Amino acid sequence: MEDIRSLKAIQLDALREVANIGAGHAATALSQMTGGTIMISVPTINVARLEEVPPQVSGPEEPVAAVLMHMLGDLTGRTLLVFPKPTAIRLSEMMLRRAQGTSTDLGELEQSAIKEAGNILSGAYMNALSDFMGLMLLPSPPSLAVDMSDAVLTTAYLQFGSDRDYVFCVESEFYLQDIGERLRGFFLLLPDYASLQAILKAVRVA
C-alpha cells in the first residue's frame, strides 16, 4: 500500500482539478443560499495517513466542527468536512443571513446550517469525483460532530481497519468577495480499500 505515497505531481494535479470543479459548483450553491458572492479555491491536496492529518487541520486541542457523510454507490467510504470552530460559526451566520458577530456558539440552528453547508460542499466534491470516474456516488444524510480535532479524527480512524487509513486531504479556501474575508476548511475523503484502488487506477490513467 505504500505505493499511494508515490503519486506523481501530475496525478495529484488530476485530483486537484476534480476538487476544483467540485469547489466551483459548491461556491455557486453557497452563494445562492447566502445571498453573497463566495469563491472557493483548492490550494493544496495531499494524501496522508489519517493519524497524520490533525496538525494540518488545526492544533489537536482546538475545537473543530466536522460534517461526516457516508459515501454509497459504486465507491464507498466516508467524507469529513472539517472547519475550525470560529470558521464554522462564521459560516453558519452567512447561511442564516445574520450579521457577523451575532452568533457566539453553535446552537441548534447554527448546527443545522453547518450540516446543510457540509451537505452542499461534500456533495459537490463527490459529484465531481463521480463524473471524473464515471461511477455513481450517493451521499448519506450528514451528521455533525463538534469536538477537539484529535477526537473527531480519532473517531473516524477507529471506524477503519488498518488497511483503510489513507485519506485524501483537500484544503479549501473560501473567499467572501462582498466583505473581503477569507475562511479555511478541509475536505477529507476516506475511501474503503477497494474504492481507494479504483481512484488510484483512475488517476494513473489520467
N, C-alpha and C. Protein backbone atom coordinates (compact mmCIF):
# COMPACT_ATOMS: atom_id res chain seq x y z
N MET A 1 0.81 -1.22 0.00
CA MET A 1 0.00 0.00 0.00
C MET A 1 0.84 1.26 0.00
N GLU A 2 2.15 1.11 0.19
CA GLU A 2 2.99 2.31 0.23
C GLU A 2 3.01 3.03 -1.11
N ASP A 3 2.54 2.34 -2.16
CA ASP A 3 2.59 2.97 -3.49
C ASP A 3 1.73 4.23 -3.56
N ILE A 4 0.80 4.37 -2.64
CA ILE A 4 -0.04 5.58 -2.65
C ILE A 4 0.80 6.83 -2.40
N ARG A 5 1.92 6.64 -1.69
CA ARG A 5 2.78 7.79 -1.40
C ARG A 5 3.50 8.26 -2.65
N SER A 6 3.56 7.38 -3.66
CA SER A 6 4.36 7.71 -4.84
C SER A 6 3.52 8.35 -5.94
N LEU A 7 2.32 8.81 -5.59
CA LEU A 7 1.51 9.52 -6.59
C LEU A 7 2.32 10.69 -7.14
N LYS A 8 2.42 10.73 -8.44
CA LYS A 8 3.21 11.78 -9.07
C LYS A 8 2.43 13.09 -9.05
N ALA A 9 3.17 14.18 -9.23
CA ALA A 9 2.56 15.51 -9.23
C ALA A 9 1.42 15.58 -10.24
N ILE A 10 1.61 14.94 -11.39
CA ILE A 10 0.58 15.02 -12.44
C ILE A 10 -0.71 14.33 -11.99
N GLN A 11 -0.55 13.26 -11.17
CA GLN A 11 -1.74 12.54 -10.68
C GLN A 11 -2.45 13.34 -9.60
N LEU A 12 -1.66 13.98 -8.73
CA LEU A 12 -2.27 14.85 -7.73
C LEU A 12 -2.95 16.05 -8.41
N ASP A 13 -2.35 16.50 -9.52
CA ASP A 13 -2.96 17.60 -10.27
C ASP A 13 -4.32 17.19 -10.83
N ALA A 14 -4.43 15.92 -11.27
CA ALA A 14 -5.71 15.42 -11.79
C ALA A 14 -6.75 15.45 -10.67
N LEU A 15 -6.35 15.02 -9.47
CA LEU A 15 -7.27 15.04 -8.33
C LEU A 15 -7.61 16.47 -7.93
N ARG A 16 -6.62 17.36 -8.01
CA ARG A 16 -6.89 18.77 -7.67
C ARG A 16 -7.88 19.38 -8.65
N GLU A 17 -7.74 19.01 -9.91
CA GLU A 17 -8.67 19.53 -10.92
C GLU A 17 -10.09 19.06 -10.64
N VAL A 18 -10.23 17.79 -10.23
CA VAL A 18 -11.54 17.27 -9.85
C VAL A 18 -12.08 18.08 -8.66
N ALA A 19 -11.22 18.32 -7.67
CA ALA A 19 -11.64 19.09 -6.49
C ALA A 19 -12.01 20.52 -6.87
N ASN A 20 -11.26 21.11 -7.81
CA ASN A 20 -11.56 22.49 -8.25
C ASN A 20 -12.94 22.58 -8.90
N ILE A 21 -13.29 21.55 -9.67
CA ILE A 21 -14.62 21.52 -10.31
C ILE A 21 -15.69 21.46 -9.22
N GLY A 22 -15.47 20.57 -8.23
CA GLY A 22 -16.41 20.46 -7.12
C GLY A 22 -16.52 21.77 -6.35
N ALA A 23 -15.40 22.42 -6.12
CA ALA A 23 -15.38 23.69 -5.38
C ALA A 23 -16.18 24.76 -6.13
N GLY A 24 -16.06 24.76 -7.45
CA GLY A 24 -16.80 25.74 -8.26
C GLY A 24 -18.31 25.55 -8.12
N HIS A 25 -18.75 24.29 -8.18
CA HIS A 25 -20.18 24.01 -8.02
C HIS A 25 -20.66 24.39 -6.62
N ALA A 26 -19.83 24.06 -5.61
CA ALA A 26 -20.20 24.36 -4.22
C ALA A 26 -20.29 25.87 -4.00
N ALA A 27 -19.36 26.60 -4.60
CA ALA A 27 -19.34 28.07 -4.45
C ALA A 27 -20.62 28.68 -5.01
N THR A 28 -21.05 28.17 -6.16
CA THR A 28 -22.29 28.68 -6.78
C THR A 28 -23.48 28.42 -5.87
N ALA A 29 -23.57 27.18 -5.34
CA ALA A 29 -24.70 26.81 -4.48
C ALA A 29 -24.69 27.62 -3.18
N LEU A 30 -23.51 27.79 -2.57
CA LEU A 30 -23.43 28.54 -1.32
C LEU A 30 -23.72 30.02 -1.54
N SER A 31 -23.29 30.56 -2.67
CA SER A 31 -23.56 31.97 -2.99
C SER A 31 -25.06 32.19 -3.10
N GLN A 32 -25.75 31.25 -3.74
CA GLN A 32 -27.20 31.37 -3.89
C GLN A 32 -27.89 31.31 -2.52
N MET A 33 -27.39 30.43 -1.64
CA MET A 33 -28.03 30.26 -0.34
C MET A 33 -27.78 31.44 0.60
N THR A 34 -26.59 32.04 0.50
CA THR A 34 -26.23 33.11 1.44
C THR A 34 -26.55 34.50 0.90
N GLY A 35 -26.78 34.58 -0.41
CA GLY A 35 -27.07 35.89 -0.99
C GLY A 35 -25.84 36.75 -1.17
N GLY A 36 -24.65 36.17 -0.98
CA GLY A 36 -23.40 36.90 -1.19
C GLY A 36 -22.52 36.11 -2.15
N THR A 37 -21.47 36.73 -2.65
CA THR A 37 -20.58 36.04 -3.58
C THR A 37 -19.49 35.31 -2.81
N ILE A 38 -19.47 33.99 -2.93
CA ILE A 38 -18.45 33.17 -2.27
C ILE A 38 -17.65 32.47 -3.35
N MET A 39 -16.34 32.58 -3.26
CA MET A 39 -15.46 31.85 -4.18
C MET A 39 -14.69 30.83 -3.37
N ILE A 40 -14.50 29.64 -3.92
CA ILE A 40 -13.77 28.59 -3.21
C ILE A 40 -12.62 28.13 -4.08
N SER A 41 -11.42 28.12 -3.51
CA SER A 41 -10.26 27.61 -4.25
C SER A 41 -9.69 26.40 -3.52
N VAL A 42 -8.90 25.62 -4.23
CA VAL A 42 -8.27 24.43 -3.67
C VAL A 42 -6.76 24.63 -3.72
N PRO A 43 -6.17 25.22 -2.66
CA PRO A 43 -4.73 25.48 -2.72
C PRO A 43 -3.87 24.22 -2.65
N THR A 44 -4.29 23.24 -1.85
CA THR A 44 -3.47 22.02 -1.74
C THR A 44 -4.34 20.78 -1.65
N ILE A 45 -3.79 19.68 -2.16
CA ILE A 45 -4.39 18.36 -1.95
C ILE A 45 -3.23 17.41 -1.67
N ASN A 46 -3.38 16.61 -0.65
CA ASN A 46 -2.33 15.62 -0.39
C ASN A 46 -2.92 14.34 0.16
N VAL A 47 -2.09 13.32 0.19
CA VAL A 47 -2.50 12.01 0.68
C VAL A 47 -1.68 11.71 1.92
N ALA A 48 -2.35 11.34 2.99
CA ALA A 48 -1.63 11.05 4.23
C ALA A 48 -2.36 9.95 4.99
N ARG A 49 -1.68 9.42 5.98
CA ARG A 49 -2.39 8.53 6.91
C ARG A 49 -3.28 9.40 7.79
N LEU A 50 -4.39 8.85 8.21
CA LEU A 50 -5.36 9.65 8.95
C LEU A 50 -4.76 10.24 10.22
N GLU A 51 -3.89 9.47 10.89
CA GLU A 51 -3.34 9.98 12.15
C GLU A 51 -2.37 11.14 11.94
N GLU A 52 -1.95 11.37 10.67
CA GLU A 52 -1.05 12.49 10.39
C GLU A 52 -1.80 13.78 10.05
N VAL A 53 -3.12 13.70 9.93
CA VAL A 53 -3.90 14.83 9.44
C VAL A 53 -4.10 15.96 10.45
N PRO A 54 -4.36 15.68 11.76
CA PRO A 54 -4.75 16.77 12.67
C PRO A 54 -3.91 18.04 12.61
N PRO A 55 -2.57 17.96 12.57
CA PRO A 55 -1.79 19.21 12.54
C PRO A 55 -2.10 20.08 11.32
N GLN A 56 -2.50 19.45 10.21
CA GLN A 56 -2.83 20.23 9.00
C GLN A 56 -4.13 21.01 9.21
N VAL A 57 -5.05 20.40 9.95
CA VAL A 57 -6.38 20.98 10.10
C VAL A 57 -6.39 22.07 11.16
N SER A 58 -5.90 21.76 12.34
CA SER A 58 -5.78 22.73 13.43
C SER A 58 -5.01 22.07 14.55
N GLY A 59 -4.68 22.82 15.59
CA GLY A 59 -4.00 22.23 16.73
C GLY A 59 -4.86 21.14 17.36
N PRO A 60 -4.25 20.09 17.92
CA PRO A 60 -5.02 18.96 18.45
C PRO A 60 -6.01 19.35 19.53
N GLU A 61 -5.73 20.44 20.25
CA GLU A 61 -6.63 20.86 21.33
C GLU A 61 -7.59 21.97 20.91
N GLU A 62 -7.60 22.28 19.61
CA GLU A 62 -8.52 23.32 19.13
C GLU A 62 -9.84 22.69 18.69
N PRO A 63 -10.97 23.29 19.09
CA PRO A 63 -12.26 22.72 18.69
C PRO A 63 -12.53 22.92 17.21
N VAL A 64 -13.11 21.89 16.61
CA VAL A 64 -13.50 21.96 15.20
C VAL A 64 -14.94 21.48 15.06
N ALA A 65 -15.56 21.84 13.96
CA ALA A 65 -16.87 21.30 13.59
C ALA A 65 -16.64 20.43 12.36
N ALA A 66 -17.09 19.18 12.43
CA ALA A 66 -16.85 18.25 11.33
C ALA A 66 -18.17 17.65 10.87
N VAL A 67 -18.42 17.75 9.58
CA VAL A 67 -19.63 17.15 8.99
C VAL A 67 -19.22 15.82 8.37
N LEU A 68 -19.81 14.73 8.87
CA LEU A 68 -19.48 13.38 8.41
C LEU A 68 -20.59 12.87 7.50
N MET A 69 -20.19 12.32 6.36
CA MET A 69 -21.16 11.70 5.46
C MET A 69 -20.60 10.37 4.98
N HIS A 70 -21.48 9.42 4.76
CA HIS A 70 -21.08 8.13 4.18
C HIS A 70 -21.22 8.22 2.67
N MET A 71 -20.28 7.59 2.00
CA MET A 71 -20.30 7.54 0.55
C MET A 71 -20.82 6.16 0.15
N LEU A 72 -21.91 6.16 -0.63
CA LEU A 72 -22.53 4.90 -1.03
C LEU A 72 -22.55 4.83 -2.56
N GLY A 73 -22.86 3.67 -3.09
CA GLY A 73 -22.90 3.52 -4.54
C GLY A 73 -21.70 2.72 -5.03
N ASP A 74 -21.15 3.13 -6.20
CA ASP A 74 -20.03 2.39 -6.78
C ASP A 74 -18.74 2.57 -5.99
N LEU A 75 -18.60 3.69 -5.31
CA LEU A 75 -17.46 3.92 -4.42
C LEU A 75 -18.01 4.02 -3.00
N THR A 76 -17.30 3.44 -2.05
CA THR A 76 -17.77 3.50 -0.66
C THR A 76 -16.68 4.05 0.24
N GLY A 77 -17.11 4.62 1.33
CA GLY A 77 -16.16 5.21 2.28
C GLY A 77 -16.87 6.31 3.05
N ARG A 78 -16.09 7.24 3.56
CA ARG A 78 -16.67 8.35 4.31
C ARG A 78 -16.02 9.65 3.87
N THR A 79 -16.73 10.73 4.10
CA THR A 79 -16.15 12.05 3.88
C THR A 79 -16.31 12.85 5.16
N LEU A 80 -15.32 13.68 5.43
CA LEU A 80 -15.37 14.59 6.57
C LEU A 80 -15.08 15.98 6.06
N LEU A 81 -15.92 16.92 6.40
CA LEU A 81 -15.65 18.32 6.09
C LEU A 81 -15.38 19.00 7.42
N VAL A 82 -14.15 19.49 7.59
CA VAL A 82 -13.72 19.99 8.90
C VAL A 82 -13.44 21.48 8.85
N PHE A 83 -14.05 22.22 9.78
CA PHE A 83 -13.79 23.65 9.92
C PHE A 83 -13.32 23.94 11.34
N PRO A 84 -12.33 24.83 11.52
CA PRO A 84 -12.09 25.35 12.87
C PRO A 84 -13.40 25.95 13.39
N LYS A 85 -13.66 25.81 14.68
CA LYS A 85 -14.96 26.22 15.21
C LYS A 85 -15.32 27.68 14.89
N PRO A 86 -14.39 28.65 15.02
CA PRO A 86 -14.75 30.03 14.67
C PRO A 86 -15.20 30.17 13.21
N THR A 87 -14.57 29.40 12.31
CA THR A 87 -14.97 29.42 10.91
C THR A 87 -16.37 28.86 10.74
N ALA A 88 -16.66 27.77 11.47
CA ALA A 88 -17.99 27.16 11.40
C ALA A 88 -19.06 28.14 11.86
N ILE A 89 -18.77 28.86 12.94
CA ILE A 89 -19.73 29.85 13.45
C ILE A 89 -19.96 30.94 12.40
N ARG A 90 -18.87 31.41 11.79
CA ARG A 90 -18.97 32.47 10.77
C ARG A 90 -19.77 31.97 9.56
N LEU A 91 -19.50 30.73 9.17
CA LEU A 91 -20.21 30.16 8.02
C LEU A 91 -21.70 30.00 8.33
N SER A 92 -22.01 29.63 9.57
CA SER A 92 -23.42 29.47 9.94
C SER A 92 -24.14 30.83 9.91
N GLU A 93 -23.44 31.89 10.31
CA GLU A 93 -24.03 33.23 10.24
C GLU A 93 -24.41 33.58 8.80
N MET A 94 -23.50 33.25 7.88
CA MET A 94 -23.76 33.54 6.47
C MET A 94 -24.94 32.73 5.95
N MET A 95 -24.97 31.43 6.33
CA MET A 95 -26.06 30.56 5.87
C MET A 95 -27.40 31.06 6.40
N LEU A 96 -27.38 31.60 7.63
CA LEU A 96 -28.61 32.09 8.25
C LEU A 96 -28.88 33.57 7.93
N ARG A 97 -27.97 34.14 7.11
CA ARG A 97 -28.05 35.56 6.71
C ARG A 97 -28.09 36.49 7.93
N ARG A 98 -27.22 36.20 8.86
CA ARG A 98 -27.08 37.04 10.04
C ARG A 98 -25.83 37.90 9.91
N ALA A 99 -25.81 39.01 10.63
CA ALA A 99 -24.64 39.89 10.62
C ALA A 99 -23.48 39.21 11.34
N GLN A 100 -22.26 39.56 10.93
CA GLN A 100 -21.07 38.98 11.55
C GLN A 100 -21.03 39.32 13.04
N GLY A 101 -20.74 38.31 13.86
CA GLY A 101 -20.62 38.52 15.30
C GLY A 101 -21.91 38.31 16.08
N THR A 102 -23.01 38.00 15.37
CA THR A 102 -24.29 37.82 16.08
C THR A 102 -24.43 36.41 16.66
N SER A 103 -23.64 35.46 16.16
CA SER A 103 -23.67 34.10 16.72
C SER A 103 -22.40 33.89 17.54
N THR A 104 -22.56 33.41 18.77
CA THR A 104 -21.39 33.21 19.63
C THR A 104 -21.06 31.74 19.79
N ASP A 105 -21.98 30.85 19.46
CA ASP A 105 -21.73 29.42 19.60
C ASP A 105 -22.54 28.67 18.55
N LEU A 106 -22.35 27.35 18.52
CA LEU A 106 -23.08 26.54 17.55
C LEU A 106 -24.31 25.93 18.22
N GLY A 107 -25.40 26.71 18.25
CA GLY A 107 -26.67 26.20 18.76
C GLY A 107 -27.35 25.32 17.73
N GLU A 108 -28.59 24.96 17.99
CA GLU A 108 -29.30 24.03 17.12
C GLU A 108 -29.44 24.57 15.69
N LEU A 109 -29.81 25.84 15.57
CA LEU A 109 -29.98 26.44 14.24
C LEU A 109 -28.65 26.50 13.49
N GLU A 110 -27.60 26.92 14.22
CA GLU A 110 -26.27 27.03 13.60
C GLU A 110 -25.78 25.65 13.15
N GLN A 111 -26.01 24.64 13.98
CA GLN A 111 -25.58 23.28 13.62
C GLN A 111 -26.31 22.79 12.38
N SER A 112 -27.59 23.10 12.30
CA SER A 112 -28.37 22.72 11.13
C SER A 112 -27.82 23.40 9.87
N ALA A 113 -27.43 24.68 10.01
CA ALA A 113 -26.87 25.42 8.87
C ALA A 113 -25.54 24.84 8.42
N ILE A 114 -24.70 24.44 9.39
CA ILE A 114 -23.40 23.85 9.05
C ILE A 114 -23.58 22.50 8.37
N LYS A 115 -24.55 21.73 8.83
CA LYS A 115 -24.82 20.44 8.18
C LYS A 115 -25.26 20.65 6.73
N GLU A 116 -26.06 21.68 6.51
CA GLU A 116 -26.51 21.98 5.15
C GLU A 116 -25.33 22.43 4.28
N ALA A 117 -24.45 23.27 4.85
CA ALA A 117 -23.24 23.68 4.11
C ALA A 117 -22.38 22.46 3.79
N GLY A 118 -22.24 21.56 4.77
CA GLY A 118 -21.46 20.33 4.57
C GLY A 118 -22.08 19.46 3.49
N ASN A 119 -23.40 19.39 3.50
CA ASN A 119 -24.13 18.63 2.50
C ASN A 119 -23.83 19.15 1.10
N ILE A 120 -23.86 20.48 0.96
CA ILE A 120 -23.60 21.11 -0.34
C ILE A 120 -22.16 20.88 -0.79
N LEU A 121 -21.22 21.14 0.13
CA LEU A 121 -19.80 21.05 -0.23
C LEU A 121 -19.37 19.61 -0.51
N SER A 122 -19.68 18.72 0.43
CA SER A 122 -19.27 17.32 0.24
C SER A 122 -19.96 16.73 -0.98
N GLY A 123 -21.25 17.09 -1.17
CA GLY A 123 -21.99 16.60 -2.33
C GLY A 123 -21.36 17.07 -3.63
N ALA A 124 -20.91 18.33 -3.66
CA ALA A 124 -20.29 18.87 -4.88
C ALA A 124 -18.96 18.17 -5.18
N TYR A 125 -18.16 17.94 -4.13
CA TYR A 125 -16.89 17.23 -4.34
C TYR A 125 -17.14 15.79 -4.80
N MET A 126 -18.14 15.14 -4.20
CA MET A 126 -18.45 13.76 -4.58
C MET A 126 -18.98 13.68 -6.01
N ASN A 127 -19.81 14.65 -6.40
CA ASN A 127 -20.34 14.67 -7.77
C ASN A 127 -19.21 14.84 -8.78
N ALA A 128 -18.24 15.70 -8.45
CA ALA A 128 -17.10 15.91 -9.36
C ALA A 128 -16.30 14.62 -9.51
N LEU A 129 -16.09 13.92 -8.40
CA LEU A 129 -15.35 12.64 -8.44
C LEU A 129 -16.15 11.60 -9.23
N SER A 130 -17.45 11.61 -9.01
CA SER A 130 -18.34 10.69 -9.70
C SER A 130 -18.27 10.89 -11.22
N ASP A 131 -18.31 12.16 -11.65
CA ASP A 131 -18.23 12.47 -13.09
C ASP A 131 -16.88 12.08 -13.66
N PHE A 132 -15.82 12.36 -12.90
CA PHE A 132 -14.45 12.07 -13.35
C PHE A 132 -14.26 10.56 -13.57
N MET A 133 -14.83 9.76 -12.68
CA MET A 133 -14.62 8.31 -12.74
C MET A 133 -15.73 7.58 -13.49
N GLY A 134 -16.81 8.29 -13.81
CA GLY A 134 -17.91 7.64 -14.50
C GLY A 134 -18.62 6.62 -13.62
N LEU A 135 -18.65 6.89 -12.32
CA LEU A 135 -19.27 5.97 -11.37
C LEU A 135 -20.37 6.69 -10.59
N MET A 136 -21.27 5.91 -10.02
CA MET A 136 -22.36 6.51 -9.25
C MET A 136 -21.94 6.63 -7.79
N LEU A 137 -22.11 7.84 -7.25
CA LEU A 137 -21.82 8.09 -5.83
C LEU A 137 -23.06 8.69 -5.18
N LEU A 138 -23.44 8.15 -4.05
CA LEU A 138 -24.60 8.65 -3.33
C LEU A 138 -24.18 9.05 -1.92
N PRO A 139 -24.38 10.32 -1.55
CA PRO A 139 -24.03 10.72 -0.19
C PRO A 139 -25.16 10.42 0.79
N SER A 140 -24.79 10.03 2.01
CA SER A 140 -25.79 9.83 3.06
C SER A 140 -26.17 11.17 3.67
N PRO A 141 -27.24 11.24 4.47
CA PRO A 141 -27.52 12.48 5.21
C PRO A 141 -26.33 12.81 6.11
N PRO A 142 -26.06 14.10 6.34
CA PRO A 142 -24.89 14.50 7.12
C PRO A 142 -25.13 14.39 8.63
N SER A 143 -24.05 14.09 9.36
CA SER A 143 -24.09 14.21 10.82
C SER A 143 -22.97 15.16 11.23
N LEU A 144 -23.11 15.80 12.38
CA LEU A 144 -22.16 16.83 12.80
C LEU A 144 -21.53 16.47 14.14
N ALA A 145 -20.22 16.65 14.22
CA ALA A 145 -19.50 16.49 15.50
C ALA A 145 -18.76 17.78 15.79
N VAL A 146 -18.88 18.27 17.00
CA VAL A 146 -18.11 19.44 17.43
C VAL A 146 -17.25 19.01 18.60
N ASP A 147 -15.93 19.00 18.38
CA ASP A 147 -15.01 18.48 19.40
C ASP A 147 -13.60 18.93 19.04
N MET A 148 -12.62 18.53 19.86
CA MET A 148 -11.22 18.81 19.52
C MET A 148 -10.86 18.03 18.26
N SER A 149 -9.97 18.58 17.42
CA SER A 149 -9.68 17.93 16.14
C SER A 149 -9.14 16.52 16.33
N ASP A 150 -8.32 16.30 17.34
CA ASP A 150 -7.81 14.96 17.61
C ASP A 150 -8.95 13.97 17.83
N ALA A 151 -9.93 14.37 18.65
CA ALA A 151 -11.04 13.48 19.00
C ALA A 151 -11.89 13.16 17.77
N VAL A 152 -12.18 14.18 16.98
CA VAL A 152 -13.01 13.99 15.79
C VAL A 152 -12.35 13.02 14.82
N LEU A 153 -11.05 13.22 14.57
CA LEU A 153 -10.35 12.37 13.61
C LEU A 153 -10.07 10.98 14.17
N THR A 154 -9.88 10.88 15.47
CA THR A 154 -9.69 9.57 16.09
C THR A 154 -10.95 8.73 15.95
N THR A 155 -12.10 9.37 16.12
CA THR A 155 -13.38 8.67 15.97
C THR A 155 -13.50 8.12 14.55
N ALA A 156 -13.15 8.93 13.57
CA ALA A 156 -13.19 8.48 12.17
C ALA A 156 -12.19 7.34 11.97
N TYR A 157 -11.03 7.48 12.59
CA TYR A 157 -9.95 6.49 12.45
C TYR A 157 -10.38 5.14 13.02
N LEU A 158 -11.09 5.16 14.15
CA LEU A 158 -11.49 3.92 14.81
C LEU A 158 -12.51 3.14 13.98
N GLN A 159 -13.15 3.82 13.04
CA GLN A 159 -14.15 3.13 12.20
C GLN A 159 -13.50 2.42 11.02
N PHE A 160 -12.19 2.49 10.93
CA PHE A 160 -11.49 1.88 9.81
C PHE A 160 -10.55 0.78 10.29
N GLY A 161 -10.31 -0.20 9.43
CA GLY A 161 -9.29 -1.18 9.72
C GLY A 161 -7.93 -0.61 9.37
N SER A 162 -6.87 -1.34 9.67
CA SER A 162 -5.52 -0.81 9.48
C SER A 162 -5.18 -0.59 8.01
N ASP A 163 -5.88 -1.27 7.11
CA ASP A 163 -5.56 -1.12 5.68
C ASP A 163 -6.42 -0.04 5.03
N ARG A 164 -7.18 0.71 5.84
CA ARG A 164 -8.10 1.67 5.24
C ARG A 164 -7.87 3.07 5.77
N ASP A 165 -6.67 3.34 6.22
CA ASP A 165 -6.49 4.60 6.94
C ASP A 165 -5.80 5.68 6.12
N TYR A 166 -5.84 5.55 4.79
CA TYR A 166 -5.31 6.64 3.97
C TYR A 166 -6.43 7.62 3.67
N VAL A 167 -6.07 8.88 3.65
CA VAL A 167 -7.07 9.92 3.44
C VAL A 167 -6.55 10.93 2.43
N PHE A 168 -7.45 11.37 1.55
CA PHE A 168 -7.15 12.49 0.66
C PHE A 168 -7.59 13.75 1.39
N CYS A 169 -6.68 14.66 1.59
CA CYS A 169 -6.98 15.89 2.34
C CYS A 169 -6.95 17.07 1.36
N VAL A 170 -8.11 17.67 1.16
CA VAL A 170 -8.25 18.80 0.23
C VAL A 170 -8.45 20.07 1.06
N GLU A 171 -7.46 20.95 1.04
CA GLU A 171 -7.64 22.23 1.71
C GLU A 171 -8.51 23.12 0.83
N SER A 172 -9.52 23.73 1.42
CA SER A 172 -10.42 24.59 0.66
C SER A 172 -10.39 25.99 1.27
N GLU A 173 -10.19 26.99 0.43
CA GLU A 173 -10.18 28.36 0.92
C GLU A 173 -11.42 29.09 0.39
N PHE A 174 -12.18 29.64 1.32
CA PHE A 174 -13.41 30.36 0.98
C PHE A 174 -13.10 31.86 0.98
N TYR A 175 -13.43 32.50 -0.11
CA TYR A 175 -13.24 33.96 -0.19
C TYR A 175 -14.62 34.61 -0.31
N LEU A 176 -14.97 35.41 0.71
CA LEU A 176 -16.26 36.09 0.72
C LEU A 176 -16.05 37.45 0.05
N GLN A 177 -16.36 37.51 -1.22
CA GLN A 177 -15.97 38.66 -2.05
C GLN A 177 -16.57 39.97 -1.54
N ASP A 178 -17.82 39.93 -1.08
CA ASP A 178 -18.51 41.16 -0.69
C ASP A 178 -17.82 41.88 0.47
N ILE A 179 -17.21 41.09 1.37
CA ILE A 179 -16.59 41.70 2.56
C ILE A 179 -15.08 41.46 2.63
N GLY A 180 -14.54 40.81 1.60
CA GLY A 180 -13.09 40.61 1.54
C GLY A 180 -12.55 39.72 2.64
N GLU A 181 -13.33 38.73 3.05
CA GLU A 181 -12.92 37.86 4.16
C GLU A 181 -12.55 36.47 3.63
N ARG A 182 -11.54 35.86 4.25
CA ARG A 182 -11.13 34.51 3.84
C ARG A 182 -11.34 33.52 4.99
N LEU A 183 -11.84 32.35 4.66
CA LEU A 183 -12.03 31.27 5.64
C LEU A 183 -11.39 30.00 5.08
N ARG A 184 -10.99 29.11 6.00
CA ARG A 184 -10.34 27.87 5.57
C ARG A 184 -11.12 26.67 6.07
N GLY A 185 -11.19 25.63 5.24
CA GLY A 185 -11.79 24.38 5.67
C GLY A 185 -11.05 23.23 5.02
N PHE A 186 -11.34 22.01 5.45
CA PHE A 186 -10.67 20.84 4.90
C PHE A 186 -11.70 19.77 4.56
N PHE A 187 -11.60 19.25 3.33
CA PHE A 187 -12.45 18.15 2.90
C PHE A 187 -11.59 16.89 2.92
N LEU A 188 -11.99 15.92 3.73
CA LEU A 188 -11.24 14.67 3.84
C LEU A 188 -12.05 13.55 3.21
N LEU A 189 -11.44 12.85 2.28
CA LEU A 189 -12.06 11.69 1.64
C LEU A 189 -11.39 10.44 2.17
N LEU A 190 -12.18 9.57 2.81
CA LEU A 190 -11.65 8.34 3.40
C LEU A 190 -12.27 7.16 2.66
N PRO A 191 -11.67 6.75 1.55
CA PRO A 191 -12.27 5.67 0.77
C PRO A 191 -11.99 4.31 1.40
N ASP A 192 -12.93 3.37 1.24
CA ASP A 192 -12.66 1.99 1.60
C ASP A 192 -11.58 1.46 0.66
N TYR A 193 -11.00 0.32 1.02
CA TYR A 193 -9.83 -0.19 0.30
C TYR A 193 -10.09 -0.35 -1.21
N ALA A 194 -11.21 -0.99 -1.57
CA ALA A 194 -11.50 -1.21 -3.00
C ALA A 194 -11.70 0.12 -3.73
N SER A 195 -12.34 1.07 -3.06
CA SER A 195 -12.57 2.38 -3.68
C SER A 195 -11.26 3.14 -3.84
N LEU A 196 -10.38 3.01 -2.86
CA LEU A 196 -9.06 3.65 -2.95
C LEU A 196 -8.33 3.13 -4.19
N GLN A 197 -8.36 1.82 -4.39
CA GLN A 197 -7.69 1.23 -5.56
C GLN A 197 -8.30 1.76 -6.86
N ALA A 198 -9.63 1.90 -6.87
CA ALA A 198 -10.31 2.40 -8.07
C ALA A 198 -9.91 3.85 -8.38
N ILE A 199 -9.80 4.67 -7.32
CA ILE A 199 -9.41 6.08 -7.51
C ILE A 199 -7.97 6.15 -8.02
N LEU A 200 -7.09 5.34 -7.42
CA LEU A 200 -5.68 5.33 -7.85
C LEU A 200 -5.57 4.89 -9.31
N LYS A 201 -6.34 3.89 -9.66
CA LYS A 201 -6.32 3.40 -11.05
C LYS A 201 -6.78 4.51 -12.00
N ALA A 202 -7.83 5.24 -11.60
CA ALA A 202 -8.37 6.30 -12.46
C ALA A 202 -7.36 7.42 -12.67
N VAL A 203 -6.66 7.83 -11.60
CA VAL A 203 -5.71 8.96 -11.77
C VAL A 203 -4.45 8.51 -12.46
N ARG A 204 -4.12 7.23 -12.40
CA ARG A 204 -2.92 6.76 -13.10
C ARG A 204 -3.16 6.69 -14.60
N VAL A 205 -4.40 6.54 -14.96
CA VAL A 205 -4.75 6.57 -16.40
C VAL A 205 -4.82 8.01 -16.87
N ALA A 206 -5.20 8.92 -15.93
CA ALA A 206 -5.42 10.34 -16.29
C ALA A 206 -4.13 10.97 -16.80
